[in-house]
Each structure stands twice: as structure tokens, then as C-alpha cells.
Amino acid sequence: MKSIAKLFTLNRHLTERIGFTAITLMAMVTVLPIVGTVIYILIQGAPAISLEFITGFPRDGMREGGILPAIIGTLYLALGTAIFSVPLGIAAAIYLSEYASDTPLTRTIRIAIINLAGIPSVVYGLFGLGLFVLFLNFGTSILAASLTLSIMTLPVIISTAEEALRAVPQSFRTVSISLGATRWQTIRRIVLKEALPGILTGVILGLNRAVGETAPILFTGAAFFLPRLPGSPFDATMALPYHLFVISTQVPEMPIKIQYGTALVLLAFVLTMNLIATVIRSRARARRQW
């Protein structure tokens, strides 16, 4: 009996070790190509990075000069998308999580939100072209592009924010209401505070997708070559994703270091957004009470 038990223990440890090894190998297979891509972009793009490249305006058909209008335009689009999508997405998540009853209608709405997250971005671009650019007569502008990107990011923000709100223990709500707080006071002061790390995850995922998209802004707000900064929300703008697409496919004899330098700046832009969100999320988790 002892030998059988010992053999069973050895087999269990061997299976566990094989499982851990397989998981480690799968993680490496997933991570190594990403790390390799980042390192390759860094090596190819670093020679193009300079003060003039970051702060200058494009010249000579974008073969010389800098990419400041594209950087500022991307920042404007990210801010515009956040202004429109974050409050509306969180409000919709609060309603679905805290107020809406579990009915066929709400289940249908949730399924529709999940399906909207999988629609190709070019479809959102065509929708934004028809609604904001032509029907509402916003023209090719930062406003039209921001609204289009907001619609595209809403499903991600709503889904992740709702899951974060549902993850807060029900006992928090019960205790708060039993102490005399109203339902809205409970949501605002307890539930939202505890769900903030998860909500931030959804927000940053949605905004990262918006910052890196080309098709929606191609139809609604991006300019091919605009060596000046936009003066109002109704102006068109350059943007890093579209600028990278243009100089990689439409401009002949474009130096390769300029293409990879633009990609490196876009990558740094996205990583900076992630870093800021990670710091805020870590502080919120440190204050969380469960």
C-alpha cells in the first residue's frame, strides 16, 4: 500500500511539473514575439528620434522635419474619445449592473454590446462618415473622428466596467444601505470606489484601441498632410496611425528610419497611457478593502 501511495504521489508531482512546464513554454511563446517586435522597432526607429523629429513640422512631402502635428492630433483624438465614451460607458455599466432587472431585454442588450465589440473598425468608420461627417455636417474633423472612436470603444468600456461593478461583494451594498445611505450614495461612494481598478482597465483598453486605429479616422478626421496644428474641434488633423500608414504606403523613397521612428513614438504614446493607468489602478487597489 505504501509503494502504491508513493507511486501515486510521484505521478502527481510529475504531472504537476509537466503542467507548469507547458504553461511556462506557452507564456514564452506568447511573450517572446511581442518583446522581439518591440526591440526591433526600437532598434530601427531610435536613429530617427530627435528633438526636431518630436517638435518639428513635416517638410519635403513628410520625408524631413518632424511629426508634431501627428502627435498633437493623436492626443486630441484620445482626449475627445475619453470625453465622450468614458462617462457614457460607465453610466451605462452602472445602470446595467445596479438598476436594470434581469429581463430578456437587458440580456439582449448585453449580447448586443458584446457583438458590437467585435465589429471591424472600418464599419465604424463608414458609420461615422454617414452620420457625423455627412448627416450632421461636422465635416472631416476632430469632433467627427472622436465621436466615431467613442462609439467604437463604448462596448469595451461598458462590458469591463459592468464586470468590475458586479465583482464588488453584495455585502458592501447591504451594509451601506442598512446604515442609512441611499442607493445612489452607495454606488457613488462605495461601489464605484471599489470597482475603480477594473473600470480603469476597461477604459485604458478602449482608449488604446482608439489611439491605434486607422480606418475610423481615415473616413472622419485624418488629414494626409497638414503642416500646422488644428485650431478647433471642427478642423481636420494628422494622427500617428494614419501618418504611419501614409508614409509606409503612399510616399515614395521614404527613409525607413522615419517609418520606424513614427511607429516607436506611437508605441511610446500607448505605453505611457498604460503606465499612467497602471499607477492609478495600483493606488486604487492598495486602498481597496477586499
Protein backbone atom coordinates (compact mmCIF):
# COMPACT_ATOMS: atom_id res chain seq x y z
CA MET A 1 0.00 0.00 0.00
CA LYS A 2 2.85 2.38 0.85
CA SER A 3 4.51 1.73 -2.51
CA ILE A 4 1.23 2.42 -4.35
CA ALA A 5 0.73 5.66 -2.42
CA LYS A 6 4.33 6.69 -3.12
CA LEU A 7 3.91 5.93 -6.82
CA PHE A 8 0.68 7.94 -6.90
CA THR A 9 2.44 10.89 -5.21
CA LEU A 10 5.32 10.74 -7.72
CA ASN A 11 2.91 10.61 -10.64
CA ARG A 12 1.02 13.59 -9.26
CA HIS A 13 4.20 15.63 -8.83
CA LEU A 14 5.38 14.64 -12.31
CA THR A 15 2.04 15.67 -13.83
CA GLU A 16 2.15 18.95 -11.94
CA ARG A 17 5.70 19.65 -13.14
CA ILE A 18 4.79 18.84 -16.74
CA GLY A 19 1.78 21.15 -16.49
CA PHE A 20 3.86 24.03 -15.10
CA THR A 21 6.49 23.49 -17.81
CA ALA A 22 3.85 23.54 -20.55
CA ILE A 23 2.31 26.74 -19.16
CA THR A 24 5.74 28.39 -18.98
CA LEU A 25 6.52 27.42 -22.58
CA MET A 26 3.18 28.77 -23.79
CA ALA A 27 3.80 32.03 -21.94
CA MET A 28 7.22 32.34 -23.56
CA VAL A 29 5.79 31.59 -27.00
CA THR A 30 3.28 34.40 -26.44
CA VAL A 31 5.63 36.96 -24.91
CA LEU A 32 8.82 36.49 -26.93
CA PRO A 33 7.37 37.61 -30.32
CA ILE A 34 5.96 40.74 -28.67
CA VAL A 35 9.26 41.55 -26.98
CA GLY A 36 11.11 40.84 -30.22
CA THR A 37 8.82 43.18 -32.15
CA VAL A 38 9.28 45.99 -29.63
CA ILE A 39 13.08 45.56 -29.66
CA TYR A 40 13.15 45.54 -33.47
CA ILE A 41 11.07 48.74 -33.68
CA LEU A 42 13.32 50.33 -31.04
CA ILE A 43 16.50 49.46 -32.95
CA GLN A 44 15.14 50.59 -36.31
CA GLY A 45 13.39 53.72 -35.04
CA ALA A 46 15.85 55.06 -32.46
CA PRO A 47 18.12 56.77 -35.08
CA ALA A 48 15.17 58.95 -36.18
CA ILE A 49 14.31 60.18 -32.68
CA SER A 50 15.50 63.71 -32.05
CA LEU A 51 14.17 66.99 -30.71
CA GLU A 52 13.38 68.17 -34.23
CA PHE A 53 11.56 64.91 -35.01
CA ILE A 54 9.34 65.26 -31.94
CA THR A 55 8.74 69.01 -32.01
CA GLY A 56 9.07 69.90 -35.70
CA PHE A 57 6.60 70.11 -38.58
CA PRO A 58 6.83 67.83 -41.63
CA ARG A 59 8.65 69.12 -44.72
CA ASP A 60 9.52 67.91 -48.19
CA GLY A 61 6.46 65.68 -48.55
CA MET A 62 6.94 64.34 -45.00
CA ARG A 63 10.42 62.99 -45.84
CA GLU A 64 12.03 65.52 -43.50
CA GLY A 65 11.13 67.51 -40.43
CA GLY A 66 9.07 66.23 -37.53
CA ILE A 67 5.73 64.72 -36.59
CA LEU A 68 4.45 67.21 -34.03
CA PRO A 69 1.05 67.70 -35.78
CA ALA A 70 0.50 63.92 -35.74
CA ILE A 71 1.41 63.67 -32.05
CA ILE A 72 -0.86 66.57 -31.05
CA GLY A 73 -3.65 65.26 -33.28
CA THR A 74 -3.45 61.81 -31.65
CA LEU A 75 -3.60 63.44 -28.23
CA TYR A 76 -6.67 65.46 -29.25
CA LEU A 77 -8.39 62.34 -30.57
CA ALA A 78 -7.62 60.38 -27.40
CA LEU A 79 -8.95 63.20 -25.19
CA GLY A 80 -12.06 63.63 -27.35
CA THR A 81 -12.74 59.91 -27.27
CA ALA A 82 -12.35 59.82 -23.48
CA ILE A 83 -14.65 62.83 -23.00
CA PHE A 84 -17.47 61.20 -24.94
CA SER A 85 -17.05 57.50 -24.19
CA VAL A 86 -15.90 57.22 -20.57
CA PRO A 87 -18.82 58.98 -18.79
CA LEU A 88 -21.41 57.37 -21.07
CA GLY A 89 -19.82 53.92 -20.82
CA ILE A 90 -19.57 54.00 -17.02
CA ALA A 91 -23.13 55.34 -16.72
CA ALA A 92 -24.43 52.52 -18.93
CA ALA A 93 -22.47 49.96 -16.89
CA ILE A 94 -23.91 51.34 -13.62
CA TYR A 95 -27.43 51.07 -14.99
CA LEU A 96 -26.97 47.51 -16.27
CA SER A 97 -25.24 46.36 -13.09
CA GLU A 98 -27.12 48.20 -10.34
CA TYR A 99 -30.54 49.20 -11.66
CA ALA A 100 -31.64 47.05 -14.61
CA SER A 101 -33.63 43.90 -13.87
CA ASP A 102 -32.62 40.58 -15.37
CA THR A 103 -35.12 40.53 -18.23
CA PRO A 104 -34.94 39.32 -21.84
CA LEU A 105 -34.45 42.93 -22.90
CA THR A 106 -31.40 43.53 -20.71
CA ARG A 107 -29.92 40.17 -21.73
CA THR A 108 -30.41 41.15 -25.36
CA ILE A 109 -28.70 44.49 -24.71
CA ARG A 110 -25.71 42.75 -23.15
CA ILE A 111 -25.41 40.38 -26.10
CA ALA A 112 -25.62 43.33 -28.49
CA ILE A 113 -22.84 45.13 -26.60
CA ILE A 114 -20.60 42.07 -26.82
CA ASN A 115 -21.31 41.73 -30.54
CA LEU A 116 -20.59 45.43 -31.15
CA ALA A 117 -17.12 44.94 -29.67
CA GLY A 118 -16.31 42.52 -32.48
CA ILE A 119 -17.39 44.69 -35.42
CA PRO A 120 -14.46 45.67 -37.71
CA SER A 121 -13.27 49.22 -37.24
CA VAL A 122 -13.84 50.06 -40.91
CA VAL A 123 -17.57 49.60 -40.35
CA TYR A 124 -17.47 52.17 -37.56
CA GLY A 125 -15.58 54.47 -39.91
CA LEU A 126 -18.26 54.22 -42.58
CA PHE A 127 -20.95 54.75 -39.94
CA GLY A 128 -19.16 57.86 -38.67
CA LEU A 129 -18.79 59.13 -42.23
CA GLY A 130 -22.50 58.79 -42.87
CA LEU A 131 -23.75 60.12 -39.53
CA PHE A 132 -21.27 62.70 -38.28
CA VAL A 133 -19.48 63.89 -41.41
CA LEU A 134 -22.40 63.99 -43.86
CA PHE A 135 -25.73 63.90 -41.98
CA LEU A 136 -24.78 66.11 -39.01
CA ASN A 137 -22.46 68.14 -41.24
CA PHE A 138 -19.49 68.10 -38.86
CA GLY A 139 -17.21 67.60 -41.83
CA THR A 140 -13.87 65.85 -41.70
CA SER A 141 -12.92 66.99 -38.21
CA ILE A 142 -11.58 66.06 -34.80
CA LEU A 143 -15.14 66.12 -33.47
CA ALA A 144 -16.43 63.62 -36.04
CA ALA A 145 -13.42 61.33 -35.54
CA SER A 146 -13.69 61.49 -31.73
CA LEU A 147 -17.39 60.64 -31.80
CA THR A 148 -16.74 57.72 -34.16
CA LEU A 149 -13.94 56.38 -31.96
CA SER A 150 -16.18 56.83 -28.90
CA ILE A 151 -18.87 54.62 -30.39
CA MET A 152 -16.22 52.03 -31.21
CA THR A 153 -14.79 51.98 -27.68
CA LEU A 154 -18.10 52.04 -25.79
CA PRO A 155 -18.72 48.24 -25.91
CA VAL A 156 -15.32 47.50 -24.34
CA ILE A 157 -15.77 50.11 -21.60
CA ILE A 158 -19.34 49.06 -20.81
CA SER A 159 -18.54 45.34 -20.63
CA THR A 160 -15.44 45.64 -18.45
CA ALA A 161 -16.95 48.31 -16.19
CA GLU A 162 -20.07 46.22 -15.64
CA GLU A 163 -17.99 43.17 -14.71
CA ALA A 164 -15.93 45.29 -12.31
CA LEU A 165 -19.08 46.61 -10.64
CA ARG A 166 -20.57 43.12 -10.34
CA ALA A 167 -17.35 41.88 -8.74
CA VAL A 168 -17.83 44.17 -5.71
CA PRO A 169 -19.29 42.00 -2.89
CA GLN A 170 -23.00 42.45 -2.32
CA SER A 171 -22.37 42.78 1.40
CA PHE A 172 -20.84 46.23 0.80
CA ARG A 173 -24.13 47.44 -0.64
CA THR A 174 -26.18 45.80 2.11
CA VAL A 175 -24.15 47.34 4.94
CA SER A 176 -24.15 50.79 3.34
CA ILE A 177 -27.92 50.82 2.83
CA SER A 178 -28.54 49.45 6.33
CA LEU A 179 -26.59 52.41 7.74
CA GLY A 180 -28.97 54.84 6.04
CA ALA A 181 -27.26 55.59 2.73
CA THR A 182 -29.35 55.83 -0.39
CA ARG A 183 -28.79 53.56 -3.33
CA TRP A 184 -27.01 56.25 -5.34
CA GLN A 185 -24.83 57.22 -2.35
CA THR A 186 -23.86 53.57 -2.00
CA ILE A 187 -22.95 53.31 -5.68
CA ARG A 188 -21.05 56.60 -5.76
CA ARG A 189 -19.12 56.30 -2.50
CA ILE A 190 -18.67 52.53 -2.12
CA VAL A 191 -19.24 50.52 -5.28
CA LEU A 192 -17.52 52.84 -7.77
CA LYS A 193 -14.56 53.32 -5.44
CA GLU A 194 -14.05 49.57 -5.03
CA ALA A 195 -14.57 48.85 -8.73
CA LEU A 196 -12.22 51.60 -9.92
CA PRO A 197 -9.26 49.30 -10.81
CA GLY A 198 -11.42 47.16 -13.08
CA ILE A 199 -13.11 50.19 -14.62
CA LEU A 200 -9.72 51.73 -15.39
CA THR A 201 -8.69 48.52 -17.12
CA GLY A 202 -11.67 48.75 -19.46
CA VAL A 203 -11.12 52.44 -20.10
CA ILE A 204 -7.46 52.02 -20.99
CA LEU A 205 -8.21 49.02 -23.23
CA GLY A 206 -10.82 51.02 -25.11
CA LEU A 207 -8.66 54.13 -25.45
CA ASN A 208 -5.64 52.10 -26.56
CA ARG A 209 -7.71 50.59 -29.33
CA ALA A 210 -8.94 54.03 -30.35
CA VAL A 211 -5.42 55.51 -30.41
CA GLY A 212 -4.12 52.74 -32.67
CA GLU A 213 -6.96 52.65 -35.19
CA THR A 214 -6.57 53.95 -38.74
CA ALA A 215 -9.80 53.10 -40.60
CA PRO A 216 -12.27 55.17 -38.49
CA ILE A 217 -10.19 58.36 -38.63
CA LEU A 218 -9.40 57.79 -42.31
CA PHE A 219 -13.07 58.45 -43.12
CA THR A 220 -13.87 61.05 -40.48
CA GLY A 221 -10.99 63.23 -39.37
CA ALA A 222 -7.46 62.40 -40.52
CA ALA A 223 -5.54 64.58 -42.96
CA PHE A 224 -2.92 63.28 -45.37
CA PHE A 225 -0.56 66.23 -44.92
CA LEU A 226 -1.26 69.14 -42.60
CA PRO A 227 1.88 71.03 -41.51
CA ARG A 228 0.05 73.03 -38.82
CA LEU A 229 -1.81 72.39 -35.61
CA PRO A 230 -5.64 72.22 -35.61
CA GLY A 231 -7.33 75.34 -34.29
CA SER A 232 -10.76 73.98 -33.35
CA PRO A 233 -12.67 70.68 -32.98
CA PHE A 234 -14.07 71.22 -36.48
CA ASP A 235 -10.62 71.11 -38.10
CA ALA A 236 -9.07 68.02 -39.62
CA THR A 237 -5.87 66.74 -38.03
CA MET A 238 -2.94 64.48 -38.64
CA ALA A 239 -2.70 61.39 -36.43
CA LEU A 240 0.10 58.94 -35.75
CA PRO A 241 -1.64 55.73 -37.02
CA TYR A 242 -2.78 57.33 -40.27
CA HIS A 243 0.52 59.18 -40.69
CA LEU A 244 2.38 55.87 -40.30
CA PHE A 245 0.10 54.24 -42.88
CA VAL A 246 0.65 57.09 -45.35
CA ILE A 247 4.42 57.28 -45.10
CA SER A 248 4.69 53.48 -45.32
CA THR A 249 2.47 53.02 -48.38
CA GLN A 250 1.92 56.31 -50.20
CA VAL A 251 5.18 58.27 -50.03
CA PRO A 252 7.95 57.02 -52.36
CA GLU A 253 11.57 56.96 -51.19
CA MET A 254 10.57 57.45 -47.58
CA PRO A 255 13.54 56.73 -45.26
CA ILE A 256 12.92 53.55 -43.33
CA LYS A 257 14.08 55.15 -40.08
CA ILE A 258 11.27 57.73 -40.34
CA GLN A 259 8.68 54.96 -40.61
CA TYR A 260 10.03 53.05 -37.63
CA GLY A 261 10.59 56.28 -35.70
CA THR A 262 6.90 57.12 -36.11
CA ALA A 263 5.97 53.60 -35.01
CA LEU A 264 8.23 53.98 -31.97
CA VAL A 265 6.57 57.28 -30.99
CA LEU A 266 3.11 55.69 -31.33
CA LEU A 267 4.26 52.74 -29.22
CA ALA A 268 5.64 55.11 -26.57
CA PHE A 269 2.36 57.04 -26.60
CA VAL A 270 0.35 53.88 -25.91
CA LEU A 271 2.80 52.62 -23.28
CA THR A 272 2.67 55.99 -21.50
CA MET A 273 -1.13 55.77 -21.33
CA ASN A 274 -0.82 52.24 -19.93
CA LEU A 275 1.77 53.35 -17.37
CA ILE A 276 -0.39 56.19 -16.09
CA ALA A 277 -3.42 53.91 -15.83
CA THR A 278 -1.34 51.22 -14.08
CA VAL A 279 -0.12 53.69 -11.44
CA ILE A 280 -3.66 54.94 -10.77
CA ARG A 281 -5.00 51.37 -10.71
CA SER A 282 -2.28 50.20 -8.30
CA ARG A 283 -3.06 53.01 -5.88
CA ALA A 284 -6.76 52.23 -6.07
CA ARG A 285 -6.09 48.54 -5.39
CA ALA A 286 -3.94 49.43 -2.40
CA ARG A 287 -6.91 51.28 -0.86
CA ARG A 288 -9.40 48.53 -1.68
CA GLN A 289 -10.89 46.81 1.32
CA TRP A 290 -11.32 43.29 -0.07
